[in-house]
Amino acid sequence: MYNEKVLEHFNNPRNQGAIKDADGVGQVGNPVCGDVMKVYIQVGKNKQGEEIIKDIKFQTLGCGAAIATSSMLTEMVKGKTLVEAVKVGKLDIAEELGGLPESKLHCSILAHDALAEAINDYHSRTK
């Protein structure tokens, strides 16, 4: 059902956990499948003075695809500017994992939405 890359991120998730004093937190869930994802971001600045995702962690309660997409999301956006991070599309995470079964594509969308919520939370705290 899942390819090797998905299984690798499920069995050895990257950046799992919480950031105690996160600059932004986003939580989303899917009431149909029961998946819940929480993404924490710490924002810093790069040499050009742009805001970047200095650190990112996740806590996910869900299936293997939910954990794998959360893990892959963190790998994809860590170190990127906030502008670059929000450009990650809803299905880009699944594509980066080498694909997901159609019934699990919603996990990629949830991971995207959790990141968007965390970035929105950061902006609401700083503006």
N, C-alpha and C. Protein backbone atom coordinates (compact mmCIF):
# COMPACT_ATOMS: atom_id res chain seq x y z
N MET A 1 0.81 -1.19 0.00
CA MET A 1 0.00 0.00 0.00
C MET A 1 0.86 1.27 0.00
N TYR A 2 1.91 1.29 0.83
CA TYR A 2 2.79 2.46 0.90
C TYR A 2 4.15 2.14 0.29
N ASN A 3 4.77 3.14 -0.35
CA ASN A 3 6.10 2.93 -0.91
C ASN A 3 7.16 3.03 0.20
N GLU A 4 8.42 2.75 -0.17
CA GLU A 4 9.51 2.72 0.82
C GLU A 4 9.74 4.07 1.50
N LYS A 5 9.61 5.16 0.75
CA LYS A 5 9.85 6.49 1.33
C LYS A 5 8.79 6.83 2.37
N VAL A 6 7.54 6.49 2.09
CA VAL A 6 6.46 6.73 3.06
C VAL A 6 6.73 5.90 4.31
N LEU A 7 7.07 4.65 4.14
CA LEU A 7 7.34 3.77 5.28
C LEU A 7 8.54 4.27 6.10
N GLU A 8 9.56 4.78 5.41
CA GLU A 8 10.73 5.32 6.10
C GLU A 8 10.35 6.50 6.99
N HIS A 9 9.53 7.41 6.47
CA HIS A 9 9.10 8.57 7.27
C HIS A 9 8.13 8.18 8.37
N PHE A 10 7.38 7.11 8.16
CA PHE A 10 6.49 6.62 9.22
C PHE A 10 7.29 5.95 10.33
N ASN A 11 8.22 5.10 9.94
CA ASN A 11 9.00 4.36 10.93
C ASN A 11 10.07 5.21 11.62
N ASN A 12 10.57 6.22 10.94
CA ASN A 12 11.62 7.10 11.48
C ASN A 12 11.26 8.56 11.21
N PRO A 13 10.20 9.05 11.85
CA PRO A 13 9.76 10.42 11.57
C PRO A 13 10.80 11.45 11.98
N ARG A 14 10.92 12.46 11.12
CA ARG A 14 11.85 13.56 11.38
C ARG A 14 11.11 14.68 12.12
N ASN A 15 11.81 15.33 13.02
CA ASN A 15 11.31 16.53 13.69
C ASN A 15 10.01 16.31 14.47
N GLN A 16 9.87 15.14 15.04
CA GLN A 16 8.68 14.84 15.83
C GLN A 16 8.84 15.43 17.23
N GLY A 17 7.79 15.99 17.76
CA GLY A 17 7.80 16.57 19.09
C GLY A 17 7.17 17.93 19.11
N ALA A 18 7.46 18.68 20.14
CA ALA A 18 6.88 20.02 20.31
C ALA A 18 8.01 21.03 20.51
N ILE A 19 7.72 22.29 20.21
CA ILE A 19 8.63 23.39 20.52
C ILE A 19 7.98 24.16 21.66
N LYS A 20 8.65 24.17 22.80
CA LYS A 20 8.07 24.73 24.02
C LYS A 20 7.60 26.17 23.83
N ASP A 21 8.45 27.03 23.33
CA ASP A 21 8.10 28.44 23.14
C ASP A 21 7.97 28.75 21.65
N ALA A 22 7.10 28.02 20.98
CA ALA A 22 6.92 28.18 19.54
C ALA A 22 6.43 29.58 19.20
N ASP A 23 6.89 30.06 18.05
CA ASP A 23 6.42 31.36 17.56
C ASP A 23 5.07 31.23 16.87
N GLY A 24 4.73 30.04 16.43
CA GLY A 24 3.44 29.78 15.80
C GLY A 24 3.07 28.33 15.95
N VAL A 25 1.78 28.08 16.16
CA VAL A 25 1.28 26.71 16.31
C VAL A 25 0.03 26.57 15.46
N GLY A 26 -0.05 25.49 14.71
CA GLY A 26 -1.23 25.20 13.92
C GLY A 26 -1.72 23.81 14.18
N GLN A 27 -3.02 23.67 14.38
CA GLN A 27 -3.59 22.35 14.61
C GLN A 27 -4.80 22.17 13.70
N VAL A 28 -4.83 21.03 13.03
CA VAL A 28 -5.95 20.69 12.16
C VAL A 28 -6.32 19.24 12.39
N GLY A 29 -7.54 18.91 12.01
CA GLY A 29 -7.99 17.53 12.14
C GLY A 29 -8.99 17.19 11.07
N ASN A 30 -9.18 15.91 10.87
CA ASN A 30 -10.16 15.41 9.93
C ASN A 30 -11.14 14.55 10.72
N PRO A 31 -12.37 15.03 10.92
CA PRO A 31 -13.32 14.27 11.72
C PRO A 31 -13.72 12.93 11.11
N VAL A 32 -13.56 12.78 9.81
CA VAL A 32 -13.94 11.53 9.15
C VAL A 32 -12.97 10.41 9.51
N CYS A 33 -11.66 10.69 9.40
CA CYS A 33 -10.66 9.64 9.66
C CYS A 33 -10.09 9.71 11.07
N GLY A 34 -10.24 10.87 11.73
CA GLY A 34 -9.74 11.02 13.09
C GLY A 34 -8.32 11.53 13.20
N ASP A 35 -7.65 11.80 12.07
CA ASP A 35 -6.29 12.31 12.11
C ASP A 35 -6.26 13.72 12.72
N VAL A 36 -5.27 13.96 13.57
CA VAL A 36 -5.05 15.29 14.15
C VAL A 36 -3.56 15.60 14.01
N MET A 37 -3.26 16.78 13.44
CA MET A 37 -1.87 17.21 13.26
C MET A 37 -1.67 18.55 13.95
N LYS A 38 -0.56 18.66 14.66
CA LYS A 38 -0.18 19.91 15.30
C LYS A 38 1.24 20.23 14.86
N VAL A 39 1.44 21.44 14.31
CA VAL A 39 2.74 21.87 13.81
C VAL A 39 3.20 23.09 14.60
N TYR A 40 4.44 23.05 15.04
CA TYR A 40 5.06 24.14 15.79
C TYR A 40 6.18 24.72 14.95
N ILE A 41 6.25 26.05 14.87
CA ILE A 41 7.36 26.68 14.15
C ILE A 41 8.08 27.68 15.04
N GLN A 42 9.37 27.76 14.82
CA GLN A 42 10.21 28.79 15.42
C GLN A 42 10.77 29.59 14.25
N VAL A 43 10.58 30.89 14.30
CA VAL A 43 10.96 31.75 13.19
C VAL A 43 12.24 32.49 13.53
N GLY A 44 13.12 32.58 12.55
CA GLY A 44 14.36 33.34 12.68
C GLY A 44 14.53 34.19 11.43
N LYS A 45 15.73 34.70 11.24
CA LYS A 45 16.02 35.50 10.04
C LYS A 45 17.25 34.95 9.36
N ASN A 46 17.24 34.98 8.04
CA ASN A 46 18.42 34.58 7.29
C ASN A 46 19.34 35.78 7.10
N LYS A 47 20.43 35.60 6.37
CA LYS A 47 21.41 36.68 6.19
C LYS A 47 20.84 37.88 5.45
N GLN A 48 19.77 37.65 4.69
CA GLN A 48 19.13 38.75 3.96
C GLN A 48 18.06 39.44 4.81
N GLY A 49 17.87 38.98 6.04
CA GLY A 49 16.87 39.57 6.93
C GLY A 49 15.46 39.05 6.71
N GLU A 50 15.32 38.01 5.89
CA GLU A 50 14.00 37.43 5.63
C GLU A 50 13.64 36.45 6.75
N GLU A 51 12.36 36.39 7.07
CA GLU A 51 11.90 35.45 8.09
C GLU A 51 11.93 34.03 7.53
N ILE A 52 12.57 33.15 8.29
CA ILE A 52 12.68 31.75 7.88
C ILE A 52 12.15 30.84 8.98
N ILE A 53 11.83 29.62 8.59
CA ILE A 53 11.46 28.60 9.57
C ILE A 53 12.76 28.03 10.12
N LYS A 54 13.14 28.53 11.27
CA LYS A 54 14.39 28.13 11.92
C LYS A 54 14.27 26.71 12.46
N ASP A 55 13.10 26.39 13.01
CA ASP A 55 12.86 25.05 13.52
C ASP A 55 11.38 24.73 13.33
N ILE A 56 11.09 23.47 13.16
CA ILE A 56 9.71 23.02 12.99
C ILE A 56 9.59 21.62 13.56
N LYS A 57 8.51 21.39 14.27
CA LYS A 57 8.25 20.07 14.85
C LYS A 57 6.76 19.78 14.69
N PHE A 58 6.43 18.51 14.83
CA PHE A 58 5.02 18.13 14.71
C PHE A 58 4.65 17.07 15.73
N GLN A 59 3.37 17.05 16.05
CA GLN A 59 2.77 15.97 16.82
C GLN A 59 1.55 15.54 16.02
N THR A 60 1.50 14.28 15.65
CA THR A 60 0.41 13.76 14.83
C THR A 60 -0.15 12.51 15.45
N LEU A 61 -1.46 12.50 15.54
CA LEU A 61 -2.19 11.31 15.95
C LEU A 61 -2.96 10.85 14.71
N GLY A 62 -2.53 9.75 14.15
CA GLY A 62 -3.19 9.30 12.93
C GLY A 62 -2.50 8.10 12.33
N CYS A 63 -2.87 7.83 11.10
CA CYS A 63 -2.36 6.66 10.38
C CYS A 63 -0.91 6.88 9.91
N GLY A 64 -0.36 5.87 9.29
CA GLY A 64 1.01 5.95 8.78
C GLY A 64 1.21 7.08 7.80
N ALA A 65 0.23 7.32 6.92
CA ALA A 65 0.35 8.40 5.94
C ALA A 65 0.32 9.76 6.62
N ALA A 66 -0.46 9.90 7.68
CA ALA A 66 -0.52 11.17 8.41
C ALA A 66 0.83 11.48 9.05
N ILE A 67 1.44 10.49 9.64
CA ILE A 67 2.75 10.68 10.27
C ILE A 67 3.82 10.95 9.21
N ALA A 68 3.79 10.19 8.12
CA ALA A 68 4.78 10.36 7.05
C ALA A 68 4.67 11.75 6.41
N THR A 69 3.45 12.23 6.15
CA THR A 69 3.31 13.55 5.53
C THR A 69 3.73 14.65 6.49
N SER A 70 3.46 14.49 7.77
CA SER A 70 3.91 15.48 8.76
C SER A 70 5.44 15.54 8.78
N SER A 71 6.07 14.38 8.79
CA SER A 71 7.52 14.30 8.80
C SER A 71 8.11 14.92 7.53
N MET A 72 7.56 14.56 6.37
CA MET A 72 8.07 15.09 5.11
C MET A 72 7.89 16.60 5.03
N LEU A 73 6.75 17.09 5.50
CA LEU A 73 6.52 18.54 5.53
C LEU A 73 7.65 19.25 6.25
N THR A 74 8.04 18.76 7.40
CA THR A 74 9.09 19.43 8.19
C THR A 74 10.41 19.45 7.42
N GLU A 75 10.70 18.36 6.72
CA GLU A 75 11.93 18.29 5.92
C GLU A 75 11.88 19.29 4.76
N MET A 76 10.71 19.45 4.17
CA MET A 76 10.57 20.30 3.00
C MET A 76 10.68 21.79 3.31
N VAL A 77 10.24 22.21 4.51
CA VAL A 77 10.17 23.65 4.77
C VAL A 77 11.18 24.18 5.79
N LYS A 78 11.84 23.31 6.51
CA LYS A 78 12.82 23.77 7.49
C LYS A 78 13.93 24.54 6.78
N GLY A 79 14.18 25.76 7.24
CA GLY A 79 15.20 26.62 6.65
C GLY A 79 14.68 27.50 5.52
N LYS A 80 13.48 27.25 5.06
CA LYS A 80 12.90 28.08 3.99
C LYS A 80 12.32 29.37 4.57
N THR A 81 12.20 30.38 3.71
CA THR A 81 11.53 31.60 4.14
C THR A 81 10.04 31.27 4.31
N LEU A 82 9.36 32.11 5.08
CA LEU A 82 7.92 31.91 5.25
C LEU A 82 7.21 32.00 3.91
N VAL A 83 7.68 32.91 3.05
CA VAL A 83 7.09 33.07 1.72
C VAL A 83 7.24 31.77 0.91
N GLU A 84 8.43 31.16 0.95
CA GLU A 84 8.65 29.90 0.24
C GLU A 84 7.81 28.78 0.84
N ALA A 85 7.73 28.75 2.16
CA ALA A 85 7.01 27.67 2.85
C ALA A 85 5.53 27.67 2.51
N VAL A 86 4.91 28.85 2.42
CA VAL A 86 3.48 28.89 2.12
C VAL A 86 3.20 28.51 0.67
N LYS A 87 4.21 28.49 -0.16
CA LYS A 87 4.04 28.10 -1.56
C LYS A 87 4.02 26.58 -1.74
N VAL A 88 4.33 25.82 -0.70
CA VAL A 88 4.24 24.36 -0.79
C VAL A 88 2.77 24.02 -0.98
N GLY A 89 2.46 23.36 -2.08
CA GLY A 89 1.07 23.05 -2.41
C GLY A 89 0.50 21.92 -1.58
N LYS A 90 -0.81 21.81 -1.61
CA LYS A 90 -1.51 20.82 -0.81
C LYS A 90 -1.13 19.38 -1.14
N LEU A 91 -0.74 19.12 -2.37
CA LEU A 91 -0.37 17.76 -2.76
C LEU A 91 1.13 17.60 -3.00
N ASP A 92 1.89 18.69 -2.83
CA ASP A 92 3.35 18.62 -3.02
C ASP A 92 4.00 17.66 -2.03
N ILE A 93 3.46 17.58 -0.84
CA ILE A 93 4.04 16.71 0.19
C ILE A 93 3.89 15.25 -0.23
N ALA A 94 2.70 14.88 -0.69
CA ALA A 94 2.48 13.51 -1.18
C ALA A 94 3.40 13.21 -2.35
N GLU A 95 3.55 14.18 -3.24
CA GLU A 95 4.43 13.99 -4.40
C GLU A 95 5.87 13.78 -3.97
N GLU A 96 6.33 14.57 -2.99
CA GLU A 96 7.70 14.44 -2.48
C GLU A 96 7.93 13.07 -1.85
N LEU A 97 6.87 12.49 -1.30
CA LEU A 97 6.96 11.15 -0.71
C LEU A 97 6.92 10.05 -1.77
N GLY A 98 6.75 10.43 -3.02
CA GLY A 98 6.67 9.43 -4.07
C GLY A 98 5.26 8.92 -4.31
N GLY A 99 4.29 9.63 -3.74
CA GLY A 99 2.88 9.28 -3.94
C GLY A 99 2.27 8.60 -2.73
N LEU A 100 0.97 8.76 -2.65
CA LEU A 100 0.16 8.11 -1.62
C LEU A 100 -1.05 7.49 -2.29
N PRO A 101 -1.63 6.47 -1.68
CA PRO A 101 -2.89 5.96 -2.21
C PRO A 101 -3.93 7.09 -2.23
N GLU A 102 -4.82 7.06 -3.18
CA GLU A 102 -5.81 8.13 -3.31
C GLU A 102 -6.59 8.36 -2.03
N SER A 103 -6.87 7.30 -1.31
CA SER A 103 -7.64 7.42 -0.06
C SER A 103 -6.84 8.09 1.05
N LYS A 104 -5.55 8.31 0.83
CA LYS A 104 -4.70 8.92 1.86
C LYS A 104 -4.18 10.30 1.46
N LEU A 105 -4.60 10.81 0.29
CA LEU A 105 -4.14 12.13 -0.15
C LEU A 105 -4.57 13.24 0.81
N HIS A 106 -5.66 13.02 1.54
CA HIS A 106 -6.10 14.03 2.50
C HIS A 106 -5.04 14.30 3.57
N CYS A 107 -4.15 13.36 3.82
CA CYS A 107 -3.08 13.55 4.81
C CYS A 107 -2.12 14.65 4.36
N SER A 108 -1.82 14.69 3.07
CA SER A 108 -0.96 15.74 2.52
C SER A 108 -1.64 17.10 2.67
N ILE A 109 -2.93 17.14 2.44
CA ILE A 109 -3.69 18.38 2.59
C ILE A 109 -3.71 18.83 4.04
N LEU A 110 -3.89 17.89 4.96
CA LEU A 110 -3.89 18.23 6.40
C LEU A 110 -2.54 18.81 6.82
N ALA A 111 -1.45 18.18 6.37
CA ALA A 111 -0.11 18.68 6.74
C ALA A 111 0.08 20.10 6.22
N HIS A 112 -0.31 20.34 4.98
CA HIS A 112 -0.25 21.68 4.39
C HIS A 112 -1.04 22.67 5.23
N ASP A 113 -2.26 22.29 5.58
CA ASP A 113 -3.14 23.19 6.34
C ASP A 113 -2.60 23.46 7.75
N ALA A 114 -1.97 22.47 8.37
CA ALA A 114 -1.40 22.67 9.70
C ALA A 114 -0.25 23.68 9.64
N LEU A 115 0.58 23.59 8.61
CA LEU A 115 1.65 24.57 8.43
C LEU A 115 1.07 25.96 8.20
N ALA A 116 0.06 26.06 7.35
CA ALA A 116 -0.57 27.36 7.08
C ALA A 116 -1.13 27.96 8.37
N GLU A 117 -1.74 27.13 9.20
CA GLU A 117 -2.28 27.60 10.48
C GLU A 117 -1.16 28.09 11.39
N ALA A 118 -0.04 27.39 11.43
CA ALA A 118 1.10 27.80 12.27
C ALA A 118 1.66 29.14 11.80
N ILE A 119 1.78 29.31 10.49
CA ILE A 119 2.28 30.58 9.95
C ILE A 119 1.29 31.70 10.21
N ASN A 120 0.00 31.42 10.05
CA ASN A 120 -1.03 32.43 10.37
C ASN A 120 -0.99 32.80 11.84
N ASP A 121 -0.80 31.81 12.70
CA ASP A 121 -0.70 32.07 14.14
C ASP A 121 0.51 32.96 14.43
N TYR A 122 1.64 32.68 13.80
CA TYR A 122 2.82 33.51 13.96
C TYR A 122 2.53 34.96 13.56
N HIS A 123 1.92 35.14 12.39
CA HIS A 123 1.61 36.49 11.91
C HIS A 123 0.64 37.20 12.85
N SER A 124 -0.33 36.48 13.39
CA SER A 124 -1.28 37.13 14.30
C SER A 124 -0.61 37.55 15.62
N ARG A 125 0.43 36.85 16.00
CA ARG A 125 1.15 37.20 17.23
C ARG A 125 2.11 38.37 17.03
N THR A 126 2.59 38.54 15.80
CA THR A 126 3.62 39.55 15.55
C THR A 126 3.12 40.81 14.87
N LYS A 127 1.91 40.82 14.41
CA LYS A 127 1.40 42.01 13.71
C LYS A 127 0.50 42.82 14.62
